[in-house]
Structures are given as C-alpha cells and as structure tokens.
Amino acid sequence: RQAFGEHLVTALHIKAGVFVLMILAAALNGLFTLLDAVTGWVPTGYGGIIPLVAMFITTVYVGVSLRVVYRDNVVFCAVRTIIFLAAYLAVAMVGLFAVAVILVL
C-alpha cells in the first residue's frame, strides 16, 4: 500500500529508535556497574533488569511504530511485530556469527 520510500523511512526510524534505546540501556547499565565498583552500592532490586526492560520497551516501540505507519488492527500488528523482531534476531545472529568467524580466522 505504501511506496518503497515510506517503508525505507519506517525501517530507518525503527532502527534508529532501537539503537537509541539500547545505547541508553547500556549507559545506565554501565553507570550501575561503575557505581558498584566505586561505592560497592547497587540500587535495591537492580539484578540486571535493565536489559529486560530495554527489550520490552523496544518491542512496544516497534509494535506501536508499525501500528501507526501501517494502520492495522492490534492483533495483526502484534503478529507483524513478532515476525519482524524474530527475523531481525535471526539476521543479527547470522551476522554476528559471521563476524566471529572472520575474527577467529
């Protein structure tokens, strides 16, 4: 229904948003690690929950972005989001494996 350019802008928008979320999660995780190393104090209940919260926020962000752009119903949008994130995870794992093989050789 949309032109290729709209799909491209949507993909770049989602990728940029996910990268910003992951950068913020990594910075917050590093801050807590530094705080623990310097003072020996970590906020109560931290327990590495930042990556889980970041993944949840990322999933919601991608789902809402796809829903707004493609104007689908909630169920179809949820299925599309799950398929999109599963495909992205599979491609990322193949890419990371290829990089690891190249670095070892």
N, C-alpha and C. Protein backbone atom coordinates (compact mmCIF):
# COMPACT_ATOMS: atom_id res chain seq x y z
N ARG A 1 0.81 -1.20 0.00
CA ARG A 1 0.00 0.00 0.00
C ARG A 1 0.85 1.26 0.00
N GLN A 2 2.01 1.22 0.65
CA GLN A 2 2.89 2.38 0.68
C GLN A 2 3.99 2.25 -0.36
N ALA A 3 4.56 3.38 -0.69
CA ALA A 3 5.69 3.37 -1.62
C ALA A 3 6.94 2.85 -0.90
N PHE A 4 7.93 2.46 -1.70
CA PHE A 4 9.16 1.91 -1.13
C PHE A 4 9.83 2.90 -0.19
N GLY A 5 9.80 4.17 -0.53
CA GLY A 5 10.42 5.19 0.32
C GLY A 5 9.82 5.24 1.71
N GLU A 6 8.52 5.05 1.80
CA GLU A 6 7.88 5.04 3.11
C GLU A 6 8.33 3.84 3.95
N HIS A 7 8.47 2.69 3.31
CA HIS A 7 8.97 1.52 4.02
C HIS A 7 10.41 1.76 4.49
N LEU A 8 11.21 2.37 3.64
CA LEU A 8 12.61 2.65 3.98
C LEU A 8 12.70 3.62 5.15
N VAL A 9 11.93 4.68 5.12
CA VAL A 9 11.94 5.66 6.22
C VAL A 9 11.46 5.01 7.51
N THR A 10 10.45 4.16 7.42
CA THR A 10 9.95 3.46 8.61
C THR A 10 11.02 2.54 9.18
N ALA A 11 11.70 1.78 8.32
CA ALA A 11 12.75 0.88 8.79
C ALA A 11 13.89 1.65 9.44
N LEU A 12 14.30 2.75 8.83
CA LEU A 12 15.38 3.56 9.41
C LEU A 12 14.94 4.19 10.73
N HIS A 13 13.69 4.62 10.81
CA HIS A 13 13.17 5.21 12.04
C HIS A 13 13.16 4.18 13.17
N ILE A 14 12.69 2.98 12.87
CA ILE A 14 12.66 1.93 13.89
C ILE A 14 14.07 1.56 14.32
N LYS A 15 14.97 1.42 13.36
CA LYS A 15 16.35 1.05 13.69
C LYS A 15 17.01 2.13 14.55
N ALA A 16 16.81 3.39 14.21
CA ALA A 16 17.38 4.48 15.00
C ALA A 16 16.80 4.49 16.41
N GLY A 17 15.49 4.29 16.52
CA GLY A 17 14.87 4.26 17.84
C GLY A 17 15.39 3.11 18.70
N VAL A 18 15.54 1.94 18.10
CA VAL A 18 16.06 0.78 18.83
C VAL A 18 17.50 1.04 19.26
N PHE A 19 18.32 1.62 18.39
CA PHE A 19 19.69 1.93 18.76
C PHE A 19 19.76 2.92 19.90
N VAL A 20 18.92 3.94 19.89
CA VAL A 20 18.89 4.91 20.98
C VAL A 20 18.50 4.24 22.29
N LEU A 21 17.49 3.38 22.25
CA LEU A 21 17.08 2.66 23.46
C LEU A 21 18.20 1.76 23.99
N MET A 22 18.89 1.07 23.09
CA MET A 22 19.98 0.19 23.51
C MET A 22 21.17 0.99 24.07
N ILE A 23 21.46 2.13 23.47
CA ILE A 23 22.53 2.99 23.99
C ILE A 23 22.20 3.47 25.39
N LEU A 24 20.96 3.91 25.59
CA LEU A 24 20.54 4.36 26.92
C LEU A 24 20.60 3.22 27.94
N ALA A 25 20.18 2.02 27.53
CA ALA A 25 20.23 0.87 28.44
C ALA A 25 21.68 0.51 28.77
N ALA A 26 22.56 0.54 27.78
CA ALA A 26 23.97 0.22 28.04
C ALA A 26 24.61 1.28 28.93
N ALA A 27 24.26 2.55 28.72
CA ALA A 27 24.82 3.61 29.56
C ALA A 27 24.33 3.48 31.00
N LEU A 28 23.07 3.19 31.18
CA LEU A 28 22.53 3.01 32.53
C LEU A 28 23.13 1.79 33.21
N ASN A 29 23.29 0.71 32.45
CA ASN A 29 23.92 -0.50 32.99
C ASN A 29 25.38 -0.21 33.38
N GLY A 30 26.10 0.54 32.53
CA GLY A 30 27.47 0.91 32.85
C GLY A 30 27.56 1.82 34.06
N LEU A 31 26.59 2.71 34.20
CA LEU A 31 26.56 3.59 35.36
C LEU A 31 26.38 2.80 36.64
N PHE A 32 25.47 1.82 36.63
CA PHE A 32 25.28 0.99 37.81
C PHE A 32 26.52 0.13 38.10
N THR A 33 27.18 -0.35 37.06
CA THR A 33 28.41 -1.12 37.26
C THR A 33 29.50 -0.24 37.86
N LEU A 34 29.65 0.96 37.36
CA LEU A 34 30.63 1.90 37.90
C LEU A 34 30.29 2.27 39.33
N LEU A 35 29.03 2.50 39.61
CA LEU A 35 28.58 2.82 40.96
C LEU A 35 28.89 1.68 41.92
N ASP A 36 28.71 0.46 41.46
CA ASP A 36 29.03 -0.71 42.29
C ASP A 36 30.53 -0.82 42.52
N ALA A 37 31.34 -0.56 41.49
CA ALA A 37 32.79 -0.67 41.62
C ALA A 37 33.35 0.41 42.54
N VAL A 38 32.80 1.61 42.47
CA VAL A 38 33.34 2.72 43.25
C VAL A 38 32.84 2.69 44.69
N THR A 39 31.56 2.49 44.87
CA THR A 39 30.99 2.60 46.22
C THR A 39 30.59 1.26 46.83
N GLY A 40 30.46 0.23 46.00
CA GLY A 40 30.01 -1.06 46.50
C GLY A 40 28.51 -1.09 46.72
N TRP A 41 27.82 -0.07 46.25
CA TRP A 41 26.37 0.03 46.43
C TRP A 41 25.67 -0.05 45.09
N VAL A 42 24.71 -0.91 45.00
CA VAL A 42 23.88 -1.01 43.80
C VAL A 42 22.44 -0.82 44.26
N PRO A 43 21.63 -0.09 43.49
CA PRO A 43 20.24 0.11 43.90
C PRO A 43 19.52 -1.22 44.16
N THR A 44 18.67 -1.20 45.14
CA THR A 44 17.92 -2.40 45.52
C THR A 44 17.07 -2.90 44.36
N GLY A 45 17.11 -4.20 44.14
CA GLY A 45 16.29 -4.80 43.11
C GLY A 45 16.82 -4.63 41.70
N TYR A 46 18.06 -4.16 41.56
CA TYR A 46 18.62 -3.95 40.22
C TYR A 46 18.67 -5.28 39.50
N GLY A 47 19.49 -6.20 39.94
CA GLY A 47 19.54 -7.57 39.45
C GLY A 47 19.57 -7.75 37.95
N GLY A 48 20.10 -6.79 37.22
CA GLY A 48 20.21 -6.93 35.78
C GLY A 48 18.88 -6.79 35.05
N ILE A 49 17.97 -6.03 35.61
CA ILE A 49 16.66 -5.89 34.99
C ILE A 49 16.67 -4.91 33.82
N ILE A 50 17.70 -4.11 33.72
CA ILE A 50 17.76 -3.09 32.67
C ILE A 50 17.66 -3.70 31.27
N PRO A 51 18.41 -4.76 30.94
CA PRO A 51 18.25 -5.35 29.60
C PRO A 51 16.83 -5.87 29.32
N LEU A 52 16.19 -6.42 30.33
CA LEU A 52 14.82 -6.92 30.13
C LEU A 52 13.85 -5.77 29.89
N VAL A 53 13.99 -4.71 30.64
CA VAL A 53 13.13 -3.53 30.44
C VAL A 53 13.40 -2.93 29.07
N ALA A 54 14.67 -2.87 28.67
CA ALA A 54 15.02 -2.32 27.36
C ALA A 54 14.41 -3.16 26.23
N MET A 55 14.44 -4.48 26.37
CA MET A 55 13.84 -5.33 25.34
C MET A 55 12.33 -5.16 25.29
N PHE A 56 11.69 -5.01 26.47
CA PHE A 56 10.24 -4.80 26.50
C PHE A 56 9.88 -3.46 25.84
N ILE A 57 10.61 -2.41 26.20
CA ILE A 57 10.34 -1.10 25.61
C ILE A 57 10.58 -1.13 24.10
N THR A 58 11.62 -1.84 23.67
CA THR A 58 11.91 -1.96 22.24
C THR A 58 10.76 -2.66 21.52
N THR A 59 10.24 -3.73 22.11
CA THR A 59 9.13 -4.46 21.49
C THR A 59 7.89 -3.57 21.37
N VAL A 60 7.59 -2.85 22.43
CA VAL A 60 6.43 -1.95 22.41
C VAL A 60 6.65 -0.84 21.38
N TYR A 61 7.87 -0.30 21.33
CA TYR A 61 8.18 0.78 20.39
C TYR A 61 8.00 0.32 18.94
N VAL A 62 8.53 -0.85 18.63
CA VAL A 62 8.40 -1.38 17.27
C VAL A 62 6.94 -1.65 16.95
N GLY A 63 6.21 -2.24 17.88
CA GLY A 63 4.80 -2.52 17.64
C GLY A 63 3.98 -1.26 17.42
N VAL A 64 4.21 -0.26 18.23
CA VAL A 64 3.46 0.99 18.07
C VAL A 64 3.85 1.68 16.76
N SER A 65 5.13 1.66 16.43
CA SER A 65 5.57 2.28 15.17
C SER A 65 4.92 1.60 13.96
N LEU A 66 4.91 0.27 13.97
CA LEU A 66 4.29 -0.45 12.85
C LEU A 66 2.78 -0.21 12.81
N ARG A 67 2.16 -0.11 13.97
CA ARG A 67 0.72 0.14 14.01
C ARG A 67 0.38 1.51 13.45
N VAL A 68 1.18 2.52 13.80
CA VAL A 68 0.91 3.88 13.32
C VAL A 68 1.15 3.98 11.82
N VAL A 69 2.23 3.39 11.34
CA VAL A 69 2.57 3.52 9.92
C VAL A 69 1.61 2.74 9.03
N TYR A 70 1.33 1.49 9.40
CA TYR A 70 0.54 0.64 8.52
C TYR A 70 -0.96 0.63 8.86
N ARG A 71 -1.36 1.27 9.94
CA ARG A 71 -2.77 1.42 10.32
C ARG A 71 -3.53 0.08 10.30
N ASP A 72 -2.94 -0.91 10.96
CA ASP A 72 -3.57 -2.23 11.04
C ASP A 72 -4.25 -2.39 12.40
N ASN A 73 -5.03 -3.48 12.54
CA ASN A 73 -5.61 -3.74 13.84
C ASN A 73 -4.55 -4.27 14.79
N VAL A 74 -4.88 -4.35 16.06
CA VAL A 74 -3.89 -4.66 17.09
C VAL A 74 -3.34 -6.08 16.94
N VAL A 75 -4.19 -7.04 16.65
CA VAL A 75 -3.75 -8.44 16.54
C VAL A 75 -2.79 -8.61 15.37
N PHE A 76 -3.16 -8.09 14.22
CA PHE A 76 -2.29 -8.20 13.05
C PHE A 76 -0.98 -7.47 13.29
N CYS A 77 -1.04 -6.35 13.97
CA CYS A 77 0.17 -5.58 14.27
C CYS A 77 1.07 -6.36 15.24
N ALA A 78 0.48 -7.03 16.22
CA ALA A 78 1.27 -7.83 17.16
C ALA A 78 1.96 -8.98 16.44
N VAL A 79 1.23 -9.65 15.54
CA VAL A 79 1.83 -10.74 14.77
C VAL A 79 2.95 -10.21 13.89
N ARG A 80 2.73 -9.08 13.24
CA ARG A 80 3.75 -8.47 12.39
C ARG A 80 4.99 -8.09 13.20
N THR A 81 4.78 -7.57 14.40
CA THR A 81 5.90 -7.19 15.26
C THR A 81 6.71 -8.42 15.67
N ILE A 82 6.04 -9.49 16.05
CA ILE A 82 6.75 -10.71 16.45
C ILE A 82 7.54 -11.27 15.27
N ILE A 83 6.95 -11.31 14.10
CA ILE A 83 7.66 -11.80 12.92
C ILE A 83 8.84 -10.90 12.58
N PHE A 84 8.63 -9.60 12.64
CA PHE A 84 9.69 -8.63 12.35
C PHE A 84 10.86 -8.79 13.30
N LEU A 85 10.58 -8.87 14.60
CA LEU A 85 11.66 -8.98 15.59
C LEU A 85 12.35 -10.35 15.52
N ALA A 86 11.61 -11.41 15.22
CA ALA A 86 12.23 -12.73 15.07
C ALA A 86 13.15 -12.76 13.86
N ALA A 87 12.71 -12.17 12.76
CA ALA A 87 13.55 -12.12 11.56
C ALA A 87 14.79 -11.26 11.82
N TYR A 88 14.61 -10.15 12.50
CA TYR A 88 15.75 -9.28 12.82
C TYR A 88 16.74 -10.00 13.72
N LEU A 89 16.25 -10.74 14.70
CA LEU A 89 17.12 -11.51 15.59
C LEU A 89 17.89 -12.58 14.82
N ALA A 90 17.21 -13.27 13.90
CA ALA A 90 17.87 -14.31 13.11
C ALA A 90 18.97 -13.72 12.23
N VAL A 91 18.68 -12.62 11.57
CA VAL A 91 19.68 -11.98 10.71
C VAL A 91 20.84 -11.45 11.53
N ALA A 92 20.55 -10.87 12.69
CA ALA A 92 21.62 -10.35 13.56
C ALA A 92 22.51 -11.49 14.07
N MET A 93 21.91 -12.63 14.40
CA MET A 93 22.72 -13.76 14.88
C MET A 93 23.62 -14.29 13.78
N VAL A 94 23.11 -14.38 12.57
CA VAL A 94 23.94 -14.83 11.44
C VAL A 94 25.07 -13.84 11.21
N GLY A 95 24.76 -12.56 11.26
CA GLY A 95 25.80 -11.54 11.07
C GLY A 95 26.86 -11.58 12.16
N LEU A 96 26.43 -11.72 13.40
CA LEU A 96 27.40 -11.79 14.50
C LEU A 96 28.25 -13.06 14.42
N PHE A 97 27.62 -14.16 14.00
CA PHE A 97 28.39 -15.40 13.82
C PHE A 97 29.43 -15.22 12.72
N ALA A 98 29.05 -14.56 11.63
CA ALA A 98 29.99 -14.34 10.53
C ALA A 98 31.16 -13.46 10.99
N VAL A 99 30.87 -12.45 11.77
CA VAL A 99 31.93 -11.58 12.29
C VAL A 99 32.84 -12.37 13.21
N ALA A 100 32.27 -13.22 14.06
CA ALA A 100 33.09 -14.03 14.97
C ALA A 100 33.99 -14.98 14.20
N VAL A 101 33.47 -15.59 13.13
CA VAL A 101 34.28 -16.50 12.32
C VAL A 101 35.41 -15.74 11.64
N ILE A 102 35.11 -14.57 11.13
CA ILE A 102 36.15 -13.76 10.47
C ILE A 102 37.22 -13.33 11.45
N LEU A 103 36.82 -12.97 12.68
CA LEU A 103 37.81 -12.55 13.67
C LEU A 103 38.68 -13.71 14.15
N VAL A 104 38.13 -14.91 14.18
CA VAL A 104 38.91 -16.06 14.60
C VAL A 104 39.92 -16.47 13.54
N LEU A 105 39.53 -16.36 12.28
CA LEU A 105 40.42 -16.76 11.19
C LEU A 105 41.40 -15.71 10.94
